[in-house]
Amino acid sequence: MNLFKRDFQALAIIGNGFDLNHGYKTDYKSFAENIESPCLENFKAYCKNENITSWYLFEENIRILSERIFLKSMSENCNFEDNRRGAERLTNTFQEIRALLKRYLFQETSCKPVLKNPQIAEYLNNHTIAINFNYTKTAEAYTSNVIYVHGSLEENDIILGYDYRDEPCLAQFED
């Protein structure tokens, strides 16, 4: 189906408040409080070492931690091998968190059906295109015209914070 060849009457921007409004605990803090895992403890330790108190803000913290690792590599007294290993451990920890989050969100949203809110349904219907920043299919209870910005659980692919991939680098190896 080509969404752009259809006539739409409205555009809806869907964020996590949409899932929360439907009774799903899909925020990062709920995830962090309901999952016990060594990788979450590792991430807490990374954040604590860097004086980050809201460790469950994964997307913001991975940016901060990655930036600090990069800046450390620019210093003259950097042990490049230790820094590289630290960056690799952080990346692996973050990928484990991503996998845990996918499982948690799937369990959280599959345990009970979406109860459509009539007031929302009045505006969010098949004449609406929904730009969805959530990974869940809650919006699909209202419209089939959903575009997922950060991937979806149904696609088994979500982007959490950043999508790790090898990028060409023009810096020197040590940097």
Foldseek 3Di string as FASTA:
>chain_A
DDPVVDAADAEAEADPVLVVVQVFPLQLVVLLVPDDDVLSVVQVVLCVVVVNDPSSLPLVVVVVSVVVLVVLLVDPPRPLVVSVVVNVSNVVSSVVVVVSSLVSRCCRDVVDDGDDDVVVLVPQAQSYAYEYQDQECNSVVHYPRYDHDQHHSVVVGGARNHDDDDDDDPDDPSD
